[in-house]
Amino acid sequence: MTRCRVAVTAGGVSALVALLVSGCVAATWDEIEDYSFTLRLYDGKCGEKPRGAWRLTVVGDEIAGVVALDEVARKGPFIEGAPTLKELYEGALRIKKDGAYDILRIDYETGPHGRRPAGVYFLSRDRGEELCETYTDYQPLPMWY
């Protein structure tokens, strides 16, 4: 992602001209390499049986920080090797394509950086497996982070 710094002057005309001339455009969520988000996992439907909640910080498309937000998470698997939002989303798309679940629904949210994944619901009747992941509080990190 190209980051653009533009000085805004009265009326913002100079900023608009600078953006147009430089080719800078607002990045979509999947182009942003530095961001944070909250991951919540559930057994069953979303909100039913919490398996943990984490605040994840991603810098350069790599996990840079993980904070367990509840007691379940402090004992959970993401202290090491937490996934980025892009990895979670790409994994859900692969699983959907493979048809490994009877139902795999990806929910989306639209915001200032476009439409991004907000959660995934998985159901496998054969395995008796029902899972949910939610991705909330998405926030691009400041340029100085």
N, C-alpha and C. Protein backbone atom coordinates (compact mmCIF):
# COMPACT_ATOMS: atom_id res chain seq x y z
N MET A 1 0.84 -1.16 0.00
CA MET A 1 0.00 0.00 0.00
C MET A 1 0.88 1.22 0.00
N THR A 2 0.58 2.18 -0.84
CA THR A 2 1.30 3.45 -0.85
C THR A 2 0.65 4.38 0.14
N ARG A 3 1.45 4.93 1.02
CA ARG A 3 0.92 5.90 1.98
C ARG A 3 1.17 7.29 1.43
N CYS A 4 0.20 8.15 1.61
CA CYS A 4 0.29 9.49 1.08
C CYS A 4 0.14 10.52 2.17
N ARG A 5 1.02 11.48 2.18
CA ARG A 5 0.90 12.61 3.11
C ARG A 5 0.62 13.85 2.27
N VAL A 6 -0.41 14.56 2.67
CA VAL A 6 -0.80 15.75 1.93
C VAL A 6 -1.08 16.86 2.91
N ALA A 7 -0.52 18.02 2.67
CA ALA A 7 -0.82 19.18 3.50
C ALA A 7 -2.12 19.80 3.00
N VAL A 8 -3.06 20.00 3.92
CA VAL A 8 -4.35 20.56 3.54
C VAL A 8 -4.29 22.07 3.74
N THR A 9 -4.68 22.79 2.70
CA THR A 9 -4.73 24.25 2.78
C THR A 9 -6.18 24.70 2.75
N ALA A 10 -6.39 25.98 2.82
CA ALA A 10 -7.74 26.53 2.84
C ALA A 10 -8.58 25.95 1.71
N GLY A 11 -9.72 25.43 2.07
CA GLY A 11 -10.63 24.87 1.07
C GLY A 11 -10.25 23.47 0.62
N GLY A 12 -9.06 23.01 0.95
CA GLY A 12 -8.67 21.65 0.60
C GLY A 12 -8.36 21.44 -0.87
N VAL A 13 -8.36 22.49 -1.69
CA VAL A 13 -8.13 22.35 -3.13
C VAL A 13 -6.74 21.81 -3.40
N SER A 14 -5.74 22.32 -2.69
CA SER A 14 -4.37 21.84 -2.90
C SER A 14 -4.25 20.37 -2.56
N ALA A 15 -4.93 19.93 -1.51
CA ALA A 15 -4.88 18.52 -1.13
C ALA A 15 -5.49 17.65 -2.21
N LEU A 16 -6.62 18.05 -2.75
CA LEU A 16 -7.27 17.27 -3.80
C LEU A 16 -6.39 17.19 -5.03
N VAL A 17 -5.80 18.31 -5.43
CA VAL A 17 -4.91 18.32 -6.60
C VAL A 17 -3.71 17.42 -6.33
N ALA A 18 -3.13 17.49 -5.12
CA ALA A 18 -1.97 16.67 -4.80
C ALA A 18 -2.33 15.18 -4.86
N LEU A 19 -3.50 14.82 -4.36
CA LEU A 19 -3.92 13.42 -4.41
C LEU A 19 -4.10 12.95 -5.84
N LEU A 20 -4.72 13.76 -6.67
CA LEU A 20 -4.94 13.39 -8.06
C LEU A 20 -3.65 13.27 -8.83
N VAL A 21 -2.74 14.19 -8.62
CA VAL A 21 -1.47 14.19 -9.33
C VAL A 21 -0.58 13.04 -8.87
N SER A 22 -0.59 12.76 -7.56
CA SER A 22 0.32 11.73 -7.03
C SER A 22 -0.20 10.32 -7.26
N GLY A 23 -1.47 10.19 -7.58
CA GLY A 23 -2.04 8.86 -7.76
C GLY A 23 -2.44 8.20 -6.46
N CYS A 24 -2.41 8.95 -5.36
CA CYS A 24 -2.79 8.40 -4.06
C CYS A 24 -4.30 8.25 -3.99
N VAL A 25 -4.73 7.12 -3.51
CA VAL A 25 -6.15 6.88 -3.31
C VAL A 25 -6.31 6.20 -1.96
N ALA A 26 -7.51 6.25 -1.43
CA ALA A 26 -7.77 5.58 -0.16
C ALA A 26 -7.59 4.08 -0.34
N ALA A 27 -6.89 3.47 0.58
CA ALA A 27 -6.62 2.03 0.51
C ALA A 27 -7.84 1.24 0.99
N THR A 28 -8.05 0.10 0.39
CA THR A 28 -9.10 -0.80 0.88
C THR A 28 -8.51 -1.61 2.03
N TRP A 29 -9.39 -2.24 2.82
CA TRP A 29 -8.93 -2.95 4.02
C TRP A 29 -7.86 -3.98 3.70
N ASP A 30 -7.97 -4.68 2.56
CA ASP A 30 -7.00 -5.74 2.27
C ASP A 30 -5.68 -5.21 1.73
N GLU A 31 -5.61 -3.91 1.48
CA GLU A 31 -4.34 -3.30 1.08
C GLU A 31 -3.60 -2.71 2.28
N ILE A 32 -4.29 -2.57 3.38
CA ILE A 32 -3.69 -1.98 4.58
C ILE A 32 -2.87 -3.05 5.30
N GLU A 33 -1.63 -2.75 5.58
CA GLU A 33 -0.72 -3.72 6.19
C GLU A 33 -0.60 -3.54 7.70
N ASP A 34 -1.01 -2.38 8.21
CA ASP A 34 -0.86 -2.05 9.63
C ASP A 34 -2.25 -1.74 10.19
N TYR A 35 -2.76 -2.62 11.05
CA TYR A 35 -4.11 -2.44 11.58
C TYR A 35 -4.27 -3.25 12.87
N SER A 36 -5.38 -3.03 13.53
CA SER A 36 -5.72 -3.85 14.68
C SER A 36 -7.19 -4.25 14.56
N PHE A 37 -7.54 -5.34 15.24
CA PHE A 37 -8.92 -5.80 15.24
C PHE A 37 -9.13 -6.74 16.42
N THR A 38 -10.38 -6.99 16.74
CA THR A 38 -10.73 -7.92 17.81
C THR A 38 -11.27 -9.20 17.19
N LEU A 39 -10.72 -10.33 17.59
CA LEU A 39 -11.17 -11.65 17.14
C LEU A 39 -11.86 -12.33 18.31
N ARG A 40 -13.09 -12.78 18.07
CA ARG A 40 -13.83 -13.55 19.06
C ARG A 40 -14.21 -14.90 18.43
N LEU A 41 -13.95 -15.98 19.16
CA LEU A 41 -14.28 -17.33 18.69
C LEU A 41 -15.39 -17.91 19.57
N TYR A 42 -16.27 -18.68 18.93
CA TYR A 42 -17.39 -19.30 19.63
C TYR A 42 -17.57 -20.74 19.17
N ASP A 43 -17.96 -21.61 20.09
CA ASP A 43 -18.50 -22.92 19.73
C ASP A 43 -20.00 -22.68 19.58
N GLY A 44 -20.59 -23.19 18.52
CA GLY A 44 -22.00 -22.94 18.28
C GLY A 44 -22.18 -21.64 17.53
N LYS A 45 -23.37 -21.09 17.64
CA LYS A 45 -23.69 -19.83 16.96
C LYS A 45 -22.94 -18.68 17.62
N CYS A 46 -22.81 -17.60 16.89
CA CYS A 46 -22.11 -16.42 17.41
C CYS A 46 -22.75 -15.97 18.72
N GLY A 47 -21.92 -15.80 19.72
CA GLY A 47 -22.38 -15.33 21.01
C GLY A 47 -22.78 -16.42 21.99
N GLU A 48 -22.86 -17.69 21.54
CA GLU A 48 -23.37 -18.76 22.41
C GLU A 48 -22.36 -19.25 23.45
N LYS A 49 -21.26 -19.82 22.99
CA LYS A 49 -20.27 -20.42 23.89
C LYS A 49 -18.90 -19.83 23.56
N PRO A 50 -18.50 -18.77 24.25
CA PRO A 50 -17.22 -18.11 23.93
C PRO A 50 -16.03 -19.04 24.10
N ARG A 51 -15.13 -18.97 23.10
CA ARG A 51 -13.86 -19.71 23.15
C ARG A 51 -12.69 -18.76 23.29
N GLY A 52 -12.97 -17.48 23.47
CA GLY A 52 -11.91 -16.51 23.67
C GLY A 52 -12.06 -15.28 22.80
N ALA A 53 -11.46 -14.19 23.29
CA ALA A 53 -11.45 -12.92 22.56
C ALA A 53 -10.05 -12.33 22.68
N TRP A 54 -9.53 -11.85 21.56
CA TRP A 54 -8.19 -11.29 21.50
C TRP A 54 -8.20 -9.98 20.72
N ARG A 55 -7.37 -9.05 21.13
CA ARG A 55 -7.11 -7.84 20.36
C ARG A 55 -5.78 -8.09 19.66
N LEU A 56 -5.81 -8.06 18.32
CA LEU A 56 -4.63 -8.37 17.53
C LEU A 56 -4.12 -7.12 16.82
N THR A 57 -2.83 -6.93 16.84
CA THR A 57 -2.20 -5.81 16.14
C THR A 57 -1.33 -6.40 15.04
N VAL A 58 -1.51 -5.87 13.83
CA VAL A 58 -0.80 -6.36 12.66
C VAL A 58 0.04 -5.22 12.09
N VAL A 59 1.32 -5.48 11.90
CA VAL A 59 2.23 -4.49 11.31
C VAL A 59 2.97 -5.18 10.18
N GLY A 60 2.91 -4.60 8.99
CA GLY A 60 3.57 -5.20 7.83
C GLY A 60 2.98 -6.55 7.48
N ASP A 61 1.68 -6.71 7.67
CA ASP A 61 0.96 -7.96 7.39
C ASP A 61 1.42 -9.12 8.28
N GLU A 62 2.03 -8.82 9.41
CA GLU A 62 2.46 -9.84 10.37
C GLU A 62 1.92 -9.48 11.75
N ILE A 63 1.58 -10.47 12.54
CA ILE A 63 1.11 -10.21 13.89
C ILE A 63 2.24 -9.57 14.69
N ALA A 64 1.94 -8.41 15.29
CA ALA A 64 2.93 -7.69 16.09
C ALA A 64 2.55 -7.67 17.56
N GLY A 65 1.29 -7.98 17.86
CA GLY A 65 0.86 -7.98 19.24
C GLY A 65 -0.45 -8.71 19.43
N VAL A 66 -0.56 -9.42 20.56
CA VAL A 66 -1.78 -10.15 20.90
C VAL A 66 -2.10 -9.86 22.35
N VAL A 67 -3.33 -9.44 22.60
CA VAL A 67 -3.78 -9.20 23.96
C VAL A 67 -5.03 -10.05 24.20
N ALA A 68 -4.95 -10.94 25.17
CA ALA A 68 -6.11 -11.75 25.54
C ALA A 68 -7.10 -10.85 26.27
N LEU A 69 -8.36 -10.88 25.85
CA LEU A 69 -9.37 -9.99 26.41
C LEU A 69 -10.26 -10.64 27.45
N ASP A 70 -10.16 -11.95 27.62
CA ASP A 70 -10.97 -12.63 28.62
C ASP A 70 -10.20 -13.82 29.18
N GLU A 71 -10.74 -14.42 30.21
CA GLU A 71 -10.08 -15.54 30.88
C GLU A 71 -9.89 -16.74 29.95
N VAL A 72 -10.89 -17.01 29.12
CA VAL A 72 -10.80 -18.12 28.18
C VAL A 72 -9.63 -17.90 27.22
N ALA A 73 -9.46 -16.68 26.75
CA ALA A 73 -8.39 -16.36 25.81
C ALA A 73 -7.01 -16.48 26.45
N ARG A 74 -6.93 -16.17 27.73
CA ARG A 74 -5.62 -16.27 28.39
C ARG A 74 -5.11 -17.71 28.42
N LYS A 75 -6.03 -18.66 28.29
CA LYS A 75 -5.65 -20.07 28.26
C LYS A 75 -5.69 -20.63 26.85
N GLY A 76 -6.05 -19.78 25.86
CA GLY A 76 -6.31 -20.23 24.49
C GLY A 76 -5.08 -20.33 23.62
N PRO A 77 -5.31 -20.71 22.36
CA PRO A 77 -4.24 -21.05 21.43
C PRO A 77 -3.54 -19.87 20.76
N PHE A 78 -4.01 -18.65 20.91
CA PHE A 78 -3.44 -17.58 20.11
C PHE A 78 -2.40 -16.72 20.82
N ILE A 79 -1.90 -17.18 21.92
CA ILE A 79 -0.81 -16.45 22.55
C ILE A 79 0.38 -16.45 21.57
N GLU A 80 0.60 -17.55 20.90
CA GLU A 80 1.63 -17.67 19.86
C GLU A 80 0.92 -18.02 18.55
N GLY A 81 1.37 -17.49 17.46
CA GLY A 81 0.86 -17.88 16.15
C GLY A 81 -0.53 -17.38 15.79
N ALA A 82 -0.91 -16.23 16.29
CA ALA A 82 -2.23 -15.68 15.97
C ALA A 82 -2.33 -15.35 14.48
N PRO A 83 -3.52 -15.50 13.89
CA PRO A 83 -3.70 -15.19 12.47
C PRO A 83 -4.05 -13.72 12.24
N THR A 84 -3.66 -13.20 11.10
CA THR A 84 -4.08 -11.86 10.70
C THR A 84 -5.50 -11.94 10.16
N LEU A 85 -6.15 -10.80 10.00
CA LEU A 85 -7.50 -10.78 9.42
C LEU A 85 -7.45 -11.32 7.99
N LYS A 86 -6.44 -10.96 7.25
CA LYS A 86 -6.31 -11.46 5.88
C LYS A 86 -6.17 -12.98 5.86
N GLU A 87 -5.40 -13.55 6.78
CA GLU A 87 -5.24 -15.00 6.85
C GLU A 87 -6.56 -15.68 7.22
N LEU A 88 -7.28 -15.11 8.17
CA LEU A 88 -8.58 -15.67 8.55
C LEU A 88 -9.53 -15.67 7.37
N TYR A 89 -9.58 -14.56 6.66
CA TYR A 89 -10.49 -14.42 5.52
C TYR A 89 -10.10 -15.37 4.38
N GLU A 90 -8.82 -15.39 4.04
CA GLU A 90 -8.37 -16.29 2.97
C GLU A 90 -8.61 -17.75 3.33
N GLY A 91 -8.44 -18.10 4.60
CA GLY A 91 -8.72 -19.46 5.06
C GLY A 91 -10.19 -19.81 4.91
N ALA A 92 -11.06 -18.88 5.26
CA ALA A 92 -12.51 -19.11 5.11
C ALA A 92 -12.88 -19.28 3.64
N LEU A 93 -12.28 -18.47 2.77
CA LEU A 93 -12.57 -18.61 1.33
C LEU A 93 -12.12 -19.97 0.80
N ARG A 94 -10.94 -20.46 1.25
CA ARG A 94 -10.45 -21.78 0.84
C ARG A 94 -11.39 -22.88 1.32
N ILE A 95 -11.81 -22.78 2.58
CA ILE A 95 -12.70 -23.80 3.14
C ILE A 95 -14.03 -23.78 2.40
N LYS A 96 -14.53 -22.59 2.08
CA LYS A 96 -15.79 -22.48 1.35
C LYS A 96 -15.68 -23.13 -0.02
N LYS A 97 -14.56 -22.86 -0.70
CA LYS A 97 -14.32 -23.43 -2.03
C LYS A 97 -14.22 -24.96 -1.95
N ASP A 98 -13.57 -25.47 -0.91
CA ASP A 98 -13.40 -26.91 -0.75
C ASP A 98 -14.70 -27.62 -0.38
N GLY A 99 -15.68 -26.87 0.13
CA GLY A 99 -16.95 -27.46 0.51
C GLY A 99 -16.86 -28.33 1.76
N ALA A 100 -15.93 -28.02 2.65
CA ALA A 100 -15.72 -28.83 3.85
C ALA A 100 -16.84 -28.71 4.87
N TYR A 101 -17.68 -27.70 4.76
CA TYR A 101 -18.78 -27.49 5.70
C TYR A 101 -20.10 -27.44 4.94
N ASP A 102 -21.17 -27.88 5.59
CA ASP A 102 -22.50 -27.79 4.97
C ASP A 102 -22.88 -26.32 4.77
N ILE A 103 -22.55 -25.51 5.77
CA ILE A 103 -22.81 -24.07 5.68
C ILE A 103 -21.54 -23.34 6.07
N LEU A 104 -21.14 -22.40 5.26
CA LEU A 104 -20.06 -21.49 5.60
C LEU A 104 -20.52 -20.12 5.11
N ARG A 105 -20.86 -19.27 6.05
CA ARG A 105 -21.36 -17.93 5.72
C ARG A 105 -20.35 -16.88 6.17
N ILE A 106 -19.96 -16.04 5.25
CA ILE A 106 -19.05 -14.94 5.57
C ILE A 106 -19.89 -13.67 5.64
N ASP A 107 -19.85 -13.00 6.78
CA ASP A 107 -20.55 -11.72 6.94
C ASP A 107 -19.57 -10.59 6.66
N TYR A 108 -20.10 -9.52 6.10
CA TYR A 108 -19.27 -8.38 5.74
C TYR A 108 -19.79 -7.11 6.40
N GLU A 109 -18.89 -6.15 6.52
CA GLU A 109 -19.23 -4.84 7.05
C GLU A 109 -18.63 -3.80 6.11
N THR A 110 -19.37 -2.75 5.83
CA THR A 110 -18.86 -1.70 4.97
C THR A 110 -18.45 -0.51 5.83
N GLY A 111 -17.26 0.00 5.56
CA GLY A 111 -16.75 1.13 6.33
C GLY A 111 -15.94 2.04 5.43
N PRO A 112 -15.17 2.92 6.03
CA PRO A 112 -14.40 3.89 5.24
C PRO A 112 -13.35 3.27 4.32
N HIS A 113 -12.97 2.03 4.57
CA HIS A 113 -11.97 1.35 3.74
C HIS A 113 -12.60 0.25 2.90
N GLY A 114 -13.89 0.36 2.67
CA GLY A 114 -14.58 -0.60 1.81
C GLY A 114 -15.22 -1.72 2.60
N ARG A 115 -15.62 -2.72 1.87
CA ARG A 115 -16.30 -3.89 2.44
C ARG A 115 -15.26 -4.87 2.94
N ARG A 116 -15.32 -5.21 4.22
CA ARG A 116 -14.35 -6.14 4.80
C ARG A 116 -15.09 -7.24 5.55
N PRO A 117 -14.44 -8.39 5.76
CA PRO A 117 -15.09 -9.47 6.50
C PRO A 117 -15.32 -9.06 7.95
N ALA A 118 -16.49 -9.42 8.48
CA ALA A 118 -16.84 -9.11 9.86
C ALA A 118 -17.04 -10.38 10.68
N GLY A 119 -17.10 -11.53 10.01
CA GLY A 119 -17.27 -12.77 10.74
C GLY A 119 -17.52 -13.94 9.81
N VAL A 120 -17.36 -15.14 10.35
CA VAL A 120 -17.59 -16.36 9.59
C VAL A 120 -18.33 -17.35 10.49
N TYR A 121 -19.35 -17.98 9.91
CA TYR A 121 -20.11 -19.02 10.60
C TYR A 121 -19.90 -20.34 9.85
N PHE A 122 -19.54 -21.40 10.59
CA PHE A 122 -19.27 -22.71 10.01
C PHE A 122 -20.23 -23.74 10.62
N LEU A 123 -20.78 -24.62 9.79
CA LEU A 123 -21.62 -25.71 10.29
C LEU A 123 -21.33 -26.97 9.48
N SER A 124 -20.95 -28.05 10.18
CA SER A 124 -20.78 -29.36 9.56
C SER A 124 -21.68 -30.33 10.31
N ARG A 125 -22.73 -30.78 9.65
CA ARG A 125 -23.67 -31.71 10.29
C ARG A 125 -23.01 -33.07 10.50
N ASP A 126 -22.19 -33.52 9.55
CA ASP A 126 -21.52 -34.82 9.67
C ASP A 126 -20.61 -34.89 10.89
N ARG A 127 -19.87 -33.85 11.13
CA ARG A 127 -18.93 -33.82 12.25
C ARG A 127 -19.58 -33.26 13.53
N GLY A 128 -20.81 -32.78 13.42
CA GLY A 128 -21.47 -32.19 14.59
C GLY A 128 -20.73 -30.95 15.06
N GLU A 129 -20.22 -30.18 14.10
CA GLU A 129 -19.38 -29.02 14.42
C GLU A 129 -20.09 -27.74 14.00
N GLU A 130 -20.19 -26.81 14.93
CA GLU A 130 -20.75 -25.49 14.65
C GLU A 130 -19.85 -24.47 15.32
N LEU A 131 -19.30 -23.57 14.53
CA LEU A 131 -18.32 -22.59 15.01
C LEU A 131 -18.64 -21.21 14.46
N CYS A 132 -18.16 -20.19 15.16
CA CYS A 132 -18.32 -18.82 14.70
C CYS A 132 -17.08 -18.02 15.07
N GLU A 133 -16.70 -17.13 14.18
CA GLU A 133 -15.61 -16.17 14.41
C GLU A 133 -16.16 -14.79 14.09
N THR A 134 -15.88 -13.80 14.92
CA THR A 134 -16.24 -12.43 14.58
C THR A 134 -15.00 -11.56 14.59
N TYR A 135 -14.99 -10.60 13.69
CA TYR A 135 -13.85 -9.67 13.54
C TYR A 135 -14.41 -8.26 13.69
N THR A 136 -14.17 -7.66 14.84
CA THR A 136 -14.74 -6.35 15.13
C THR A 136 -13.64 -5.34 15.45
N ASP A 137 -14.06 -4.11 15.63
CA ASP A 137 -13.16 -3.02 16.04
C ASP A 137 -11.96 -2.85 15.11
N TYR A 138 -12.16 -3.13 13.82
CA TYR A 138 -11.08 -2.98 12.83
C TYR A 138 -10.64 -1.52 12.79
N GLN A 139 -9.33 -1.31 12.84
CA GLN A 139 -8.80 0.05 12.84
C GLN A 139 -7.43 0.09 12.19
N PRO A 140 -7.28 0.81 11.07
CA PRO A 140 -5.93 1.00 10.51
C PRO A 140 -5.06 1.72 11.55
N LEU A 141 -3.82 1.34 11.63
CA LEU A 141 -2.92 2.00 12.57
C LEU A 141 -2.44 3.32 11.99
N PRO A 142 -2.13 4.27 12.85
CA PRO A 142 -1.60 5.55 12.36
C PRO A 142 -0.29 5.33 11.62
N MET A 143 0.02 6.23 10.72
CA MET A 143 1.23 6.11 9.91
C MET A 143 2.50 6.09 10.76
N TRP A 144 2.46 6.67 11.93
CA TRP A 144 3.65 6.74 12.78
C TRP A 144 3.80 5.54 13.68
N TYR A 145 2.90 4.56 13.62
CA TYR A 145 2.93 3.43 14.55
C TYR A 145 4.24 2.69 14.47
